[in-house]
Amino acid sequence: MLFRQLFDNISSTYTYLIASRKGGEALIIDPVLEKTDHYIKLLDQLELRLVKVIDTHIHADHISGIAELRDRTKCVTLMGEQAPADVVSMHVKDNEKVKIEGIELLRALENNLNLGTFVIHGSSFAVDVKRDLLRVINLMPKDPIRKLY
């Protein structure tokens, strides 16, 4: 699996690129508009085809790059089912799976913690909406997300 954590110094935003292999399908989580060219270059370097881009929530610290990535790559844009964003082509429900070649993510929302989570192969992308912070958390097989906070 390919996994890249990218950081935008201006907005202090973490963005993630995930793919099962070089030359395969990829997805990007929480892209920043001003970094779109960088994402495209990275996709080209790794010979990846962007098929999905996810915003975990509406961001207050930056303008999302999902619309620009959609326009440039023809990828599918995703957010949670309650997201009011008009650039989203697929709304993901709680416990719904998001798939790309060789990778399956599960959206799990912990409402009482205000977390929107995508789980992949035993790791989670957990968003603390109150602080607008995306974290990568390695979960033990039976560890519920709520125990981590």
C-alpha atoms as a PDB file:
ATOM      1  CA  MET A   1       0.000   0.000   0.000  1.00  0.00           C
ATOM      2  CA  LEU A   2       1.188   3.524  -0.778  1.00  0.00           C
ATOM      3  CA  PHE A   3       0.509   6.115   1.883  1.00  0.00           C
ATOM      4  CA  ARG A   4       1.666   9.736   1.780  1.00  0.00           C
ATOM      5  CA  GLN A   5       0.986  12.312   4.493  1.00  0.00           C
ATOM      6  CA  LEU A   6       1.270  15.828   3.095  1.00  0.00           C
ATOM      7  CA  PHE A   7       1.279  19.028   5.129  1.00  0.00           C
ATOM      8  CA  ASP A   8       0.271  22.573   4.157  1.00  0.00           C
ATOM      9  CA  ASN A   9       2.257  25.042   6.278  1.00  0.00           C
ATOM     10  CA  ILE A  10      -0.099  27.961   5.691  1.00  0.00           C
ATOM     11  CA  SER A  11      -3.324  26.294   6.881  1.00  0.00           C
ATOM     12  CA  SER A  12      -1.631  23.613   9.018  1.00  0.00           C
ATOM     13  CA  THR A  13      -3.684  21.010   7.157  1.00  0.00           C
ATOM     14  CA  TYR A  14      -2.747  17.364   6.709  1.00  0.00           C
ATOM     15  CA  THR A  15      -3.730  15.726   3.426  1.00  0.00           C
ATOM     16  CA  TYR A  16      -3.410  12.026   2.674  1.00  0.00           C
ATOM     17  CA  LEU A  17      -2.803  10.164  -0.566  1.00  0.00           C
ATOM     18  CA  ILE A  18      -3.592   6.442  -0.503  1.00  0.00           C
ATOM     19  CA  ALA A  19      -3.173   3.780  -3.191  1.00  0.00           C
ATOM     20  CA  SER A  20      -2.780   0.019  -3.205  1.00  0.00           C
ATOM     21  CA  ARG A  21       0.237   0.084  -5.525  1.00  0.00           C
ATOM     22  CA  LYS A  22       2.316   2.230  -7.871  1.00  0.00           C
ATOM     23  CA  GLY A  23       0.476   2.552 -11.164  1.00  0.00           C
ATOM     24  CA  GLY A  24      -2.950   1.891  -9.625  1.00  0.00           C
ATOM     25  CA  GLU A  25      -5.978   3.799  -8.439  1.00  0.00           C
ATOM     26  CA  ALA A  26      -5.623   6.415  -5.711  1.00  0.00           C
ATOM     27  CA  LEU A  27      -7.680   8.546  -3.378  1.00  0.00           C
ATOM     28  CA  ILE A  28      -6.857  11.797  -1.621  1.00  0.00           C
ATOM     29  CA  ILE A  29      -8.302  12.841   1.747  1.00  0.00           C
ATOM     30  CA  ASP A  30      -8.748  16.544   2.664  1.00  0.00           C
ATOM     31  CA  PRO A  31      -6.926  18.320  -0.183  1.00  0.00           C
ATOM     32  CA  VAL A  32      -6.036  22.024  -0.010  1.00  0.00           C
ATOM     33  CA  LEU A  33      -6.844  24.049  -3.154  1.00  0.00           C
ATOM     34  CA  GLU A  34      -3.462  25.797  -3.320  1.00  0.00           C
ATOM     35  CA  LYS A  35      -1.666  22.424  -3.277  1.00  0.00           C
ATOM     36  CA  THR A  36      -3.532  20.928  -6.257  1.00  0.00           C
ATOM     37  CA  ASP A  37      -0.532  21.174  -8.601  1.00  0.00           C
ATOM     38  CA  HIS A  38       1.610  19.368  -6.018  1.00  0.00           C
ATOM     39  CA  TYR A  39      -0.960  16.552  -5.752  1.00  0.00           C
ATOM     40  CA  ILE A  40      -1.108  16.193  -9.548  1.00  0.00           C
ATOM     41  CA  LYS A  41       2.710  15.995  -9.747  1.00  0.00           C
ATOM     42  CA  LEU A  42       2.802  13.357  -7.012  1.00  0.00           C
ATOM     43  CA  LEU A  43       0.113  11.320  -8.779  1.00  0.00           C
ATOM     44  CA  ASP A  44       2.138  11.525 -12.014  1.00  0.00           C
ATOM     45  CA  GLN A  45       5.398  10.537 -10.255  1.00  0.00           C
ATOM     46  CA  LEU A  46       3.730   7.465  -8.768  1.00  0.00           C
ATOM     47  CA  GLU A  47       1.848   6.747 -12.010  1.00  0.00           C
ATOM     48  CA  LEU A  48      -1.444   6.847 -10.118  1.00  0.00           C
ATOM     49  CA  ARG A  49      -4.942   7.541 -11.390  1.00  0.00           C
ATOM     50  CA  LEU A  50      -6.982   9.603  -8.924  1.00  0.00           C
ATOM     51  CA  VAL A  51     -10.447   8.035  -8.761  1.00  0.00           C
ATOM     52  CA  LYS A  52     -11.818   9.483  -5.510  1.00  0.00           C
ATOM     53  CA  VAL A  53     -11.220  12.511  -3.334  1.00  0.00           C
ATOM     54  CA  ILE A  54     -12.722  12.855   0.145  1.00  0.00           C
ATOM     55  CA  ASP A  55     -13.370  15.841   2.366  1.00  0.00           C
ATOM     56  CA  THR A  56     -13.941  14.548   5.866  1.00  0.00           C
ATOM     57  CA  HIS A  57     -15.886  17.696   6.805  1.00  0.00           C
ATOM     58  CA  ILE A  58     -16.313  21.357   5.858  1.00  0.00           C
ATOM     59  CA  HIS A  59     -13.024  23.065   6.649  1.00  0.00           C
ATOM     60  CA  ALA A  60     -12.683  26.502   8.266  1.00  0.00           C
ATOM     61  CA  ASP A  61      -8.909  26.743   7.819  1.00  0.00           C
ATOM     62  CA  HIS A  62      -8.597  26.304   4.050  1.00  0.00           C
ATOM     63  CA  ILE A  63     -10.468  26.090   0.754  1.00  0.00           C
ATOM     64  CA  SER A  64     -10.904  22.491  -0.299  1.00  0.00           C
ATOM     65  CA  GLY A  65      -9.240  21.231  -3.456  1.00  0.00           C
ATOM     66  CA  ILE A  66     -11.890  18.620  -4.260  1.00  0.00           C
ATOM     67  CA  ALA A  67     -13.591  20.617  -7.021  1.00  0.00           C
ATOM     68  CA  GLU A  68     -10.283  21.461  -8.719  1.00  0.00           C
ATOM     69  CA  LEU A  69      -9.101  17.844  -8.512  1.00  0.00           C
ATOM     70  CA  ARG A  70     -12.455  16.678  -9.901  1.00  0.00           C
ATOM     71  CA  ASP A  71     -12.171  19.095 -12.821  1.00  0.00           C
ATOM     72  CA  ARG A  72      -8.575  18.121 -13.603  1.00  0.00           C
ATOM     73  CA  THR A  73      -8.791  14.345 -13.092  1.00  0.00           C
ATOM     74  CA  LYS A  74     -12.502  13.472 -13.515  1.00  0.00           C
ATOM     75  CA  CYS A  75     -12.442  11.767 -10.091  1.00  0.00           C
ATOM     76  CA  VAL A  76     -15.473  11.231  -7.858  1.00  0.00           C
ATOM     77  CA  THR A  77     -15.852  13.670  -4.931  1.00  0.00           C
ATOM     78  CA  LEU A  78     -17.112  12.379  -1.578  1.00  0.00           C
ATOM     79  CA  MET A  79     -18.314  13.702   1.767  1.00  0.00           C
ATOM     80  CA  GLY A  80     -20.608  12.477   4.525  1.00  0.00           C
ATOM     81  CA  GLU A  81     -24.314  12.176   3.808  1.00  0.00           C
ATOM     82  CA  GLN A  82     -25.190  15.394   5.685  1.00  0.00           C
ATOM     83  CA  ALA A  83     -22.583  17.571   3.928  1.00  0.00           C
ATOM     84  CA  PRO A  84     -24.141  20.639   2.307  1.00  0.00           C
ATOM     85  CA  ALA A  85     -21.329  21.040  -0.254  1.00  0.00           C
ATOM     86  CA  ASP A  86     -22.510  21.253  -3.872  1.00  0.00           C
ATOM     87  CA  VAL A  87     -19.242  19.930  -5.344  1.00  0.00           C
ATOM     88  CA  VAL A  88     -19.848  16.473  -3.894  1.00  0.00           C
ATOM     89  CA  SER A  89     -20.858  13.757  -6.344  1.00  0.00           C
ATOM     90  CA  MET A  90     -21.227  10.972  -3.752  1.00  0.00           C
ATOM     91  CA  HIS A  91     -22.526  11.297  -0.202  1.00  0.00           C
ATOM     92  CA  VAL A  92     -21.286   8.499   2.067  1.00  0.00           C
ATOM     93  CA  LYS A  93     -23.527   7.151   4.828  1.00  0.00           C
ATOM     94  CA  ASP A  94     -22.332   5.856   8.194  1.00  0.00           C
ATOM     95  CA  ASN A  95     -20.952   2.318   7.835  1.00  0.00           C
ATOM     96  CA  GLU A  96     -20.842   2.662   4.043  1.00  0.00           C
ATOM     97  CA  LYS A  97     -17.747   1.372   2.265  1.00  0.00           C
ATOM     98  CA  VAL A  98     -15.630   3.458  -0.097  1.00  0.00           C
ATOM     99  CA  LYS A  99     -13.591   1.304  -2.462  1.00  0.00           C
ATOM    100  CA  ILE A 100     -10.710   1.787  -4.833  1.00  0.00           C
ATOM    101  CA  GLU A 101      -8.485  -0.885  -6.340  1.00  0.00           C
ATOM    102  CA  GLY A 102      -7.165  -3.070  -3.511  1.00  0.00           C
ATOM    103  CA  ILE A 103      -8.370  -0.773  -0.702  1.00  0.00           C
ATOM    104  CA  GLU A 104     -11.613  -0.513   1.193  1.00  0.00           C
ATOM    105  CA  LEU A 105     -12.477   2.284   3.614  1.00  0.00           C
ATOM    106  CA  LEU A 106     -15.427   2.240   5.978  1.00  0.00           C
ATOM    107  CA  ARG A 107     -17.050   5.475   7.097  1.00  0.00           C
ATOM    108  CA  ALA A 108     -17.913   5.365  10.791  1.00  0.00           C
ATOM    109  CA  LEU A 109     -19.282   8.430  12.538  1.00  0.00           C
ATOM    110  CA  GLU A 110     -18.928   8.769  16.284  1.00  0.00           C
ATOM    111  CA  ASN A 111     -21.528  11.489  16.846  1.00  0.00           C
ATOM    112  CA  ASN A 112     -20.967  11.866  20.576  1.00  0.00           C
ATOM    113  CA  LEU A 113     -17.288  12.619  19.931  1.00  0.00           C
ATOM    114  CA  ASN A 114     -17.949  14.776  16.871  1.00  0.00           C
ATOM    115  CA  LEU A 115     -15.632  12.535  14.828  1.00  0.00           C
ATOM    116  CA  GLY A 116     -15.971  11.594  11.162  1.00  0.00           C
ATOM    117  CA  THR A 117     -13.812   8.508  10.646  1.00  0.00           C
ATOM    118  CA  PHE A 118     -12.696   6.483   7.646  1.00  0.00           C
ATOM    119  CA  VAL A 119     -11.214   3.122   8.624  1.00  0.00           C
ATOM    120  CA  ILE A 120      -8.698   1.311   6.419  1.00  0.00           C
ATOM    121  CA  HIS A 121      -6.969  -2.006   7.163  1.00  0.00           C
ATOM    122  CA  GLY A 122      -6.946  -1.501  10.939  1.00  0.00           C
ATOM    123  CA  SER A 123      -6.011   2.199  10.862  1.00  0.00           C
ATOM    124  CA  SER A 124      -8.340   5.180  11.091  1.00  0.00           C
ATOM    125  CA  PHE A 125      -8.421   8.691   9.761  1.00  0.00           C
ATOM    126  CA  ALA A 126     -10.171  10.449  12.618  1.00  0.00           C
ATOM    127  CA  VAL A 127     -11.276  14.040  12.416  1.00  0.00           C
ATOM    128  CA  ASP A 128     -11.717  16.108  15.522  1.00  0.00           C
ATOM    129  CA  VAL A 129     -14.079  18.705  14.047  1.00  0.00           C
ATOM    130  CA  LYS A 130     -13.831  20.992  17.072  1.00  0.00           C
ATOM    131  CA  ARG A 131     -10.125  21.491  16.417  1.00  0.00           C
ATOM    132  CA  ASP A 132     -10.251  20.780  12.651  1.00  0.00           C
ATOM    133  CA  LEU A 133      -7.472  18.235  13.039  1.00  0.00           C
ATOM    134  CA  LEU A 134      -7.020  15.071  11.001  1.00  0.00           C
ATOM    135  CA  ARG A 135      -5.185  12.312  12.798  1.00  0.00           C
ATOM    136  CA  VAL A 136      -3.928   8.937  11.684  1.00  0.00           C
ATOM    137  CA  ILE A 137      -4.570   6.474  14.455  1.00  0.00           C
ATOM    138  CA  ASN A 138      -3.373   2.868  14.524  1.00  0.00           C
ATOM    139  CA  LEU A 139      -6.109   0.857  16.190  1.00  0.00           C
ATOM    140  CA  MET A 140      -5.674  -2.425  17.954  1.00  0.00           C
ATOM    141  CA  PRO A 141      -8.153  -5.006  16.590  1.00  0.00           C
ATOM    142  CA  LYS A 142     -10.739  -4.560  19.379  1.00  0.00           C
ATOM    143  CA  ASP A 143     -10.034  -0.928  20.340  1.00  0.00           C
ATOM    144  CA  PRO A 144     -13.079   1.272  19.780  1.00  0.00           C
ATOM    145  CA  ILE A 145     -12.312   4.783  18.583  1.00  0.00           C
ATOM    146  CA  ARG A 146     -13.902   6.353  21.652  1.00  0.00           C
ATOM    147  CA  LYS A 147     -11.174   4.859  23.897  1.00  0.00           C
ATOM    148  CA  LEU A 148      -8.549   6.877  22.047  1.00  0.00           C
ATOM    149  CA  TYR A 149      -9.978  10.185  23.209  1.00  0.00           C
END
